[in-house]
Amino acid sequence: MMHIMNLESLIPARALAAAIAVALTTSLASAQAPGAARPAGNRPRPIQVMTLTPTDWKDGGVIPAKHAQPGRDVSPALSWSAPPAGTASFTLIVHDVDAPIGNGTDDLLHWMVWNIPGSATSLPEGIPRGAEREDGSRQISATGPNYRGPAAPSTGPMHHYVFELFALDTAIAVPAVGASPPATRAAVMAAMAGHIRGKATAVGLYRRATLAGQ
C-alpha cells in the first residue's frame, strides 16, 4: 500500500530538521526542474514509507562500538522492507545531524552508498573500502571511499546518526571519484530530485566512552 510519508513518526525530533530538509529539497527541485515529468493531475507522486532495520541496534538505540571510529570502524548490516514497484536503485545517506559543517549549511557525512541494485534488500556488515563495489554501487564519506564510524566526544551529549534509504526509479550517473565528498553528495542529491519513490529512516546514537581516570 502506498502512503504519504510521515517523517515525524520515523525519527526523533533532533533528527527531524535534517530529514525534512532533504525531503523538501528533492520535492522542490522536482517541481522546478524544466520539463520534469509529472503524474496525471499535475500532482507530485506519493513517497512510499519503507522500514530500515540495523542488525546490531534498535532504531533510536546506541550504535555498538565496533561500528564506531574508536572500535573497528565496521559498517553495520542493514536490511529494508519491500520497495515500491519500479525501483531501479537505492541510495543510502548516513550523517551526523549534531555535527554541522560549512557554517551550519550541511552536516558531517559518515557514509553515502548509491546505485545499490533495485533488487537488493540489505547491505552486509563490513563493506570494504573502495570507490565502486562489484554490484556497481559506489560509496564515499567525509574521509574517502569508505564507511566512517561515529566519533562523538565523551565530553558532550549523544549524537544522532541518521540513516536514510531512498528507493529511486533510476540509477545515478555520479562518479565516486573526481570531486570532493561534499560536492559528490550534493551531485547525488540533485540527481535524486524527482526520482524518489520510497524512503526509510533509522537513527543510532553514539558518544565515546569516558576513559578510566578522566
C-alpha atoms as a PDB file:
ATOM      1  CA  MET A   1       0.000   0.000   0.000  1.00  0.00           C
ATOM      2  CA  MET A   2       1.263   3.456  -0.882  1.00  0.00           C
ATOM      3  CA  HIS A   3       1.399   6.096   1.865  1.00  0.00           C
ATOM      4  CA  ILE A   4       2.387   9.719   2.088  1.00  0.00           C
ATOM      5  CA  MET A   5       5.467   9.852   4.296  1.00  0.00           C
ATOM      6  CA  ASN A   6       5.022  10.974   7.892  1.00  0.00           C
ATOM      7  CA  LEU A   7       8.562  11.918   8.896  1.00  0.00           C
ATOM      8  CA  GLU A   8       7.586  12.753  12.471  1.00  0.00           C
ATOM      9  CA  SER A   9       6.659   9.116  13.098  1.00  0.00           C
ATOM     10  CA  LEU A  10      10.020   7.878  11.862  1.00  0.00           C
ATOM     11  CA  ILE A  11      12.765   9.871  13.542  1.00  0.00           C
ATOM     12  CA  PRO A  12      13.487  11.729  16.810  1.00  0.00           C
ATOM     13  CA  ALA A  13      12.907  15.471  16.996  1.00  0.00           C
ATOM     14  CA  ARG A  14      16.601  16.394  16.870  1.00  0.00           C
ATOM     15  CA  ALA A  15      16.960  14.481  13.589  1.00  0.00           C
ATOM     16  CA  LEU A  16      13.715  15.754  12.106  1.00  0.00           C
ATOM     17  CA  ALA A  17      15.045  19.041  10.730  1.00  0.00           C
ATOM     18  CA  ALA A  18      17.695  17.383   8.572  1.00  0.00           C
ATOM     19  CA  ALA A  19      15.296  14.768   7.222  1.00  0.00           C
ATOM     20  CA  ILE A  20      12.691  17.397   6.340  1.00  0.00           C
ATOM     21  CA  ALA A  21      15.368  19.460   4.576  1.00  0.00           C
ATOM     22  CA  VAL A  22      16.238  16.510   2.342  1.00  0.00           C
ATOM     23  CA  ALA A  23      12.593  15.799   1.537  1.00  0.00           C
ATOM     24  CA  LEU A  24      11.786  19.441   0.770  1.00  0.00           C
ATOM     25  CA  THR A  25      14.920  19.919  -1.314  1.00  0.00           C
ATOM     26  CA  THR A  26      14.117  16.964  -3.547  1.00  0.00           C
ATOM     27  CA  SER A  27      10.427  17.872  -3.836  1.00  0.00           C
ATOM     28  CA  LEU A  28      11.117  21.493  -4.731  1.00  0.00           C
ATOM     29  CA  ALA A  29      13.844  20.592  -7.187  1.00  0.00           C
ATOM     30  CA  SER A  30      11.476  18.166  -8.888  1.00  0.00           C
ATOM     31  CA  ALA A  31       8.734  20.746  -9.133  1.00  0.00           C
ATOM     32  CA  GLN A  32      11.069  23.391 -10.559  1.00  0.00           C
ATOM     33  CA  ALA A  33      13.042  21.220 -12.963  1.00  0.00           C
ATOM     34  CA  PRO A  34      12.381  22.311 -16.582  1.00  0.00           C
ATOM     35  CA  GLY A  35      10.454  19.659 -18.468  1.00  0.00           C
ATOM     36  CA  ALA A  36      10.195  17.387 -15.435  1.00  0.00           C
ATOM     37  CA  ALA A  37       7.640  14.621 -15.892  1.00  0.00           C
ATOM     38  CA  ARG A  38       4.620  14.998 -13.589  1.00  0.00           C
ATOM     39  CA  PRO A  39       1.897  12.457 -12.865  1.00  0.00           C
ATOM     40  CA  ALA A  40      -1.716  12.895 -14.004  1.00  0.00           C
ATOM     41  CA  GLY A  41      -3.377  15.924 -12.472  1.00  0.00           C
ATOM     42  CA  ASN A  42      -0.003  17.672 -12.083  1.00  0.00           C
ATOM     43  CA  ARG A  43       0.300  16.333  -8.536  1.00  0.00           C
ATOM     44  CA  PRO A  44       3.551  15.062  -7.014  1.00  0.00           C
ATOM     45  CA  ARG A  45       3.825  11.287  -6.689  1.00  0.00           C
ATOM     46  CA  PRO A  46       3.453   9.901  -3.181  1.00  0.00           C
ATOM     47  CA  ILE A  47       6.560   8.531  -1.480  1.00  0.00           C
ATOM     48  CA  GLN A  48       6.102   5.048  -0.049  1.00  0.00           C
ATOM     49  CA  VAL A  49       7.134   4.629   3.565  1.00  0.00           C
ATOM     50  CA  MET A  50       9.629   1.787   3.992  1.00  0.00           C
ATOM     51  CA  THR A  51      11.356   0.288   7.028  1.00  0.00           C
ATOM     52  CA  LEU A  52      15.134   0.299   7.515  1.00  0.00           C
ATOM     53  CA  THR A  53      16.465  -2.094  10.171  1.00  0.00           C
ATOM     54  CA  PRO A  54      20.016  -2.126  11.595  1.00  0.00           C
ATOM     55  CA  THR A  55      21.021  -5.618  12.729  1.00  0.00           C
ATOM     56  CA  ASP A  56      23.028  -4.582  15.803  1.00  0.00           C
ATOM     57  CA  TRP A  57      20.801  -1.970  17.467  1.00  0.00           C
ATOM     58  CA  LYS A  58      17.164  -0.951  17.652  1.00  0.00           C
ATOM     59  CA  ASP A  59      16.049   2.203  15.907  1.00  0.00           C
ATOM     60  CA  GLY A  60      16.896   5.081  18.239  1.00  0.00           C
ATOM     61  CA  GLY A  61      19.314   2.946  20.255  1.00  0.00           C
ATOM     62  CA  VAL A  62      23.061   3.161  20.827  1.00  0.00           C
ATOM     63  CA  ILE A  63      25.379   2.132  17.986  1.00  0.00           C
ATOM     64  CA  PRO A  64      27.797  -0.612  19.142  1.00  0.00           C
ATOM     65  CA  ALA A  65      31.473   0.331  19.479  1.00  0.00           C
ATOM     66  CA  LYS A  66      32.613  -1.919  16.629  1.00  0.00           C
ATOM     67  CA  HIS A  67      30.737   0.324  14.187  1.00  0.00           C
ATOM     68  CA  ALA A  68      32.410   3.467  15.583  1.00  0.00           C
ATOM     69  CA  GLN A  69      35.791   5.062  14.878  1.00  0.00           C
ATOM     70  CA  PRO A  70      37.285   4.058  18.251  1.00  0.00           C
ATOM     71  CA  GLY A  71      36.266   0.461  17.520  1.00  0.00           C
ATOM     72  CA  ARG A  72      36.891  -1.416  14.313  1.00  0.00           C
ATOM     73  CA  ASP A  73      35.049   1.118  12.128  1.00  0.00           C
ATOM     74  CA  VAL A  74      32.954  -1.670  10.594  1.00  0.00           C
ATOM     75  CA  SER A  75      29.952  -0.693   8.510  1.00  0.00           C
ATOM     76  CA  PRO A  76      26.727  -2.089  10.001  1.00  0.00           C
ATOM     77  CA  ALA A  77      24.459  -4.682   8.418  1.00  0.00           C
ATOM     78  CA  LEU A  78      21.185  -3.116   7.277  1.00  0.00           C
ATOM     79  CA  SER A  79      18.007  -4.576   5.805  1.00  0.00           C
ATOM     80  CA  TRP A  80      14.857  -2.954   4.470  1.00  0.00           C
ATOM     81  CA  SER A  81      11.275  -3.718   3.575  1.00  0.00           C
ATOM     82  CA  ALA A  82       9.961  -4.229   0.062  1.00  0.00           C
ATOM     83  CA  PRO A  83      10.349  -1.098  -2.087  1.00  0.00           C
ATOM     84  CA  PRO A  84       7.700   0.315  -4.426  1.00  0.00           C
ATOM     85  CA  ALA A  85       7.276  -1.187  -7.890  1.00  0.00           C
ATOM     86  CA  GLY A  86       9.678   0.229 -10.443  1.00  0.00           C
ATOM     87  CA  THR A  87      12.590   0.746  -8.040  1.00  0.00           C
ATOM     88  CA  ALA A  88      15.796   0.798 -10.087  1.00  0.00           C
ATOM     89  CA  SER A  89      18.319   1.637  -7.370  1.00  0.00           C
ATOM     90  CA  PHE A  90      18.765   2.699  -3.759  1.00  0.00           C
ATOM     91  CA  THR A  91      20.808   5.475  -2.175  1.00  0.00           C
ATOM     92  CA  LEU A  92      21.861   5.310   1.477  1.00  0.00           C
ATOM     93  CA  ILE A  93      22.947   8.500   3.244  1.00  0.00           C
ATOM     94  CA  VAL A  94      24.328   8.375   6.802  1.00  0.00           C
ATOM     95  CA  HIS A  95      25.004  11.699   8.503  1.00  0.00           C
ATOM     96  CA  ASP A  96      25.526  13.200  11.957  1.00  0.00           C
ATOM     97  CA  VAL A  97      22.857  15.848  12.388  1.00  0.00           C
ATOM     98  CA  ASP A  98      24.635  17.132  15.505  1.00  0.00           C
ATOM     99  CA  ALA A  99      27.858  17.904  13.611  1.00  0.00           C
ATOM    100  CA  PRO A 100      27.201  20.944  11.396  1.00  0.00           C
ATOM    101  CA  ILE A 101      29.812  21.959   8.841  1.00  0.00           C
ATOM    102  CA  GLY A 102      30.065  24.753   6.309  1.00  0.00           C
ATOM    103  CA  ASN A 103      28.730  27.473   8.614  1.00  0.00           C
ATOM    104  CA  GLY A 104      25.850  25.191   9.518  1.00  0.00           C
ATOM    105  CA  THR A 105      24.669  24.719   5.935  1.00  0.00           C
ATOM    106  CA  ASP A 106      25.480  20.987   5.952  1.00  0.00           C
ATOM    107  CA  ASP A 107      26.331  18.195   8.365  1.00  0.00           C
ATOM    108  CA  LEU A 108      29.043  15.551   8.577  1.00  0.00           C
ATOM    109  CA  LEU A 109      28.690  12.747   6.029  1.00  0.00           C
ATOM    110  CA  HIS A 110      29.598   9.359   7.507  1.00  0.00           C
ATOM    111  CA  TRP A 111      28.598   7.235   4.535  1.00  0.00           C
ATOM    112  CA  MET A 112      26.827   7.503   1.224  1.00  0.00           C
ATOM    113  CA  VAL A 113      26.239   4.470  -0.988  1.00  0.00           C
ATOM    114  CA  TRP A 114      24.396   4.953  -4.253  1.00  0.00           C
ATOM    115  CA  ASN A 115      23.399   2.766  -7.209  1.00  0.00           C
ATOM    116  CA  ILE A 116      22.636  -0.112  -4.845  1.00  0.00           C
ATOM    117  CA  PRO A 117      20.747  -2.517  -7.159  1.00  0.00           C
ATOM    118  CA  GLY A 118      16.980  -2.199  -7.022  1.00  0.00           C
ATOM    119  CA  SER A 119      16.691  -5.923  -6.326  1.00  0.00           C
ATOM    120  CA  ALA A 120      18.698  -5.631  -3.079  1.00  0.00           C
ATOM    121  CA  THR A 121      17.010  -5.920   0.309  1.00  0.00           C
ATOM    122  CA  SER A 122      20.068  -5.484   2.529  1.00  0.00           C
ATOM    123  CA  LEU A 123      23.685  -4.423   2.912  1.00  0.00           C
ATOM    124  CA  PRO A 124      26.111  -6.806   4.633  1.00  0.00           C
ATOM    125  CA  GLU A 125      28.313  -5.894   7.567  1.00  0.00           C
ATOM    126  CA  GLY A 126      31.862  -4.770   6.912  1.00  0.00           C
ATOM    127  CA  ILE A 127      31.764  -3.387   3.380  1.00  0.00           C
ATOM    128  CA  PRO A 128      35.431  -2.832   2.420  1.00  0.00           C
ATOM    129  CA  ARG A 129      36.980   0.444   1.352  1.00  0.00           C
ATOM    130  CA  GLY A 130      36.721   1.177  -2.363  1.00  0.00           C
ATOM    131  CA  ALA A 131      35.019   3.681  -4.629  1.00  0.00           C
ATOM    132  CA  GLU A 132      32.978   1.085  -6.533  1.00  0.00           C
ATOM    133  CA  ARG A 133      31.669  -2.305  -5.412  1.00  0.00           C
ATOM    134  CA  GLU A 134      31.212  -5.437  -7.512  1.00  0.00           C
ATOM    135  CA  ASP A 135      27.464  -4.849  -7.737  1.00  0.00           C
ATOM    136  CA  GLY A 136      28.028  -1.425  -9.328  1.00  0.00           C
ATOM    137  CA  SER A 137      27.229   0.631  -6.238  1.00  0.00           C
ATOM    138  CA  ARG A 138      29.543   3.466  -5.219  1.00  0.00           C
ATOM    139  CA  GLN A 139      30.483   4.873  -1.825  1.00  0.00           C
ATOM    140  CA  ILE A 140      32.066   7.891  -0.150  1.00  0.00           C
ATOM    141  CA  SER A 141      32.259   9.555   3.248  1.00  0.00           C
ATOM    142  CA  ALA A 142      33.865  12.729   4.526  1.00  0.00           C
ATOM    143  CA  THR A 143      37.190  10.850   4.643  1.00  0.00           C
ATOM    144  CA  GLY A 144      37.092   8.948   1.360  1.00  0.00           C
ATOM    145  CA  PRO A 145      35.525   5.895  -0.324  1.00  0.00           C
ATOM    146  CA  ASN A 146      34.620   4.078   2.869  1.00  0.00           C
ATOM    147  CA  TYR A 147      32.280   3.946   5.851  1.00  0.00           C
ATOM    148  CA  ARG A 148      33.273   6.414   8.572  1.00  0.00           C
ATOM    149  CA  GLY A 149      32.076   5.360  12.015  1.00  0.00           C
ATOM    150  CA  PRO A 150      30.630   7.671  14.681  1.00  0.00           C
ATOM    151  CA  ALA A 151      33.067   9.505  16.962  1.00  0.00           C
ATOM    152  CA  ALA A 152      31.095  11.973  19.076  1.00  0.00           C
ATOM    153  CA  PRO A 153      33.318  13.073  22.009  1.00  0.00           C
ATOM    154  CA  SER A 154      32.732  11.708  25.506  1.00  0.00           C
ATOM    155  CA  THR A 155      32.574  15.225  26.934  1.00  0.00           C
ATOM    156  CA  GLY A 156      29.369  16.123  25.126  1.00  0.00           C
ATOM    157  CA  PRO A 157      25.874  14.739  24.552  1.00  0.00           C
ATOM    158  CA  MET A 158      24.948  11.744  22.443  1.00  0.00           C
ATOM    159  CA  HIS A 159      24.979  12.497  18.711  1.00  0.00           C
ATOM    160  CA  HIS A 160      22.174  11.393  16.393  1.00  0.00           C
ATOM    161  CA  TYR A 161      23.342   9.467  13.331  1.00  0.00           C
ATOM    162  CA  VAL A 162      20.558   9.351  10.756  1.00  0.00           C
ATOM    163  CA  PHE A 163      20.466   6.510   8.205  1.00  0.00           C
ATOM    164  CA  GLU A 164      18.266   7.446   5.239  1.00  0.00           C
ATOM    165  CA  LEU A 165      17.485   4.963   2.470  1.00  0.00           C
ATOM    166  CA  PHE A 166      15.902   6.237  -0.746  1.00  0.00           C
ATOM    167  CA  ALA A 167      14.261   3.984  -3.358  1.00  0.00           C
ATOM    168  CA  LEU A 168      14.725   5.569  -6.787  1.00  0.00           C
ATOM    169  CA  ASP A 169      13.234   4.876 -10.199  1.00  0.00           C
ATOM    170  CA  THR A 170      16.593   5.473 -11.874  1.00  0.00           C
ATOM    171  CA  ALA A 171      20.318   4.931 -11.454  1.00  0.00           C
ATOM    172  CA  ILE A 172      22.551   7.894 -10.518  1.00  0.00           C
ATOM    173  CA  ALA A 173      25.266   8.779 -13.017  1.00  0.00           C
ATOM    174  CA  VAL A 174      27.595  10.443 -10.499  1.00  0.00           C
ATOM    175  CA  PRO A 175      31.155   9.064 -10.178  1.00  0.00           C
ATOM    176  CA  ALA A 176      32.651   8.342  -6.773  1.00  0.00           C
ATOM    177  CA  VAL A 177      35.964   9.969  -7.659  1.00  0.00           C
ATOM    178  CA  GLY A 178      36.965  13.293  -9.168  1.00  0.00           C
ATOM    179  CA  ALA A 179      35.211  15.676  -6.769  1.00  0.00           C
ATOM    180  CA  SER A 180      35.242  16.432  -3.054  1.00  0.00           C
ATOM    181  CA  PRO A 181      32.884  14.382  -0.839  1.00  0.00           C
ATOM    182  CA  PRO A 182      30.589  17.399  -0.211  1.00  0.00           C
ATOM    183  CA  ALA A 183      30.385  18.098  -3.952  1.00  0.00           C
ATOM    184  CA  THR A 184      29.698  14.438  -4.702  1.00  0.00           C
ATOM    185  CA  ARG A 185      26.996  14.316  -2.030  1.00  0.00           C
ATOM    186  CA  ALA A 186      25.355  17.420  -3.493  1.00  0.00           C
ATOM    187  CA  ALA A 187      25.516  15.987  -7.018  1.00  0.00           C
ATOM    188  CA  VAL A 188      23.905  12.706  -5.940  1.00  0.00           C
ATOM    189  CA  MET A 189      21.137  14.505  -4.066  1.00  0.00           C
ATOM    190  CA  ALA A 190      20.477  16.764  -7.054  1.00  0.00           C
ATOM    191  CA  ALA A 191      20.279  13.727  -9.344  1.00  0.00           C
ATOM    192  CA  MET A 192      17.758  12.118  -6.972  1.00  0.00           C
ATOM    193  CA  ALA A 193      15.298  15.001  -7.374  1.00  0.00           C
ATOM    194  CA  GLY A 194      12.051  13.829  -8.908  1.00  0.00           C
ATOM    195  CA  HIS A 195      13.044  10.153  -8.725  1.00  0.00           C
ATOM    196  CA  ILE A 196      12.333   9.241  -5.076  1.00  0.00           C
ATOM    197  CA  ARG A 197       9.614   6.588  -4.836  1.00  0.00           C
ATOM    198  CA  GLY A 198      10.221   5.302  -1.321  1.00  0.00           C
ATOM    199  CA  LYS A 199      12.119   6.211   1.820  1.00  0.00           C
ATOM    200  CA  ALA A 200      13.121   4.590   5.088  1.00  0.00           C
ATOM    201  CA  THR A 201      14.875   6.138   8.082  1.00  0.00           C
ATOM    202  CA  ALA A 202      16.647   4.719  11.125  1.00  0.00           C
ATOM    203  CA  VAL A 203      18.591   6.517  13.848  1.00  0.00           C
ATOM    204  CA  GLY A 204      21.522   5.457  16.003  1.00  0.00           C
ATOM    205  CA  LEU A 205      23.030   7.279  18.975  1.00  0.00           C
ATOM    206  CA  TYR A 206      26.693   7.388  19.872  1.00  0.00           C
ATOM    207  CA  ARG A 207      29.169   9.041  22.242  1.00  0.00           C
ATOM    208  CA  ARG A 208      32.683   7.853  23.053  1.00  0.00           C
ATOM    209  CA  ALA A 209      33.044   6.053  26.354  1.00  0.00           C
ATOM    210  CA  THR A 210      34.821   8.025  29.085  1.00  0.00           C
ATOM    211  CA  LEU A 211      38.256   6.561  29.772  1.00  0.00           C
ATOM    212  CA  ALA A 212      39.184   5.493  33.296  1.00  0.00           C
ATOM    213  CA  GLY A 213      40.814   8.297  35.245  1.00  0.00           C
ATOM    214  CA  GLN A 214      39.198  11.080  33.229  1.00  0.00           C
END
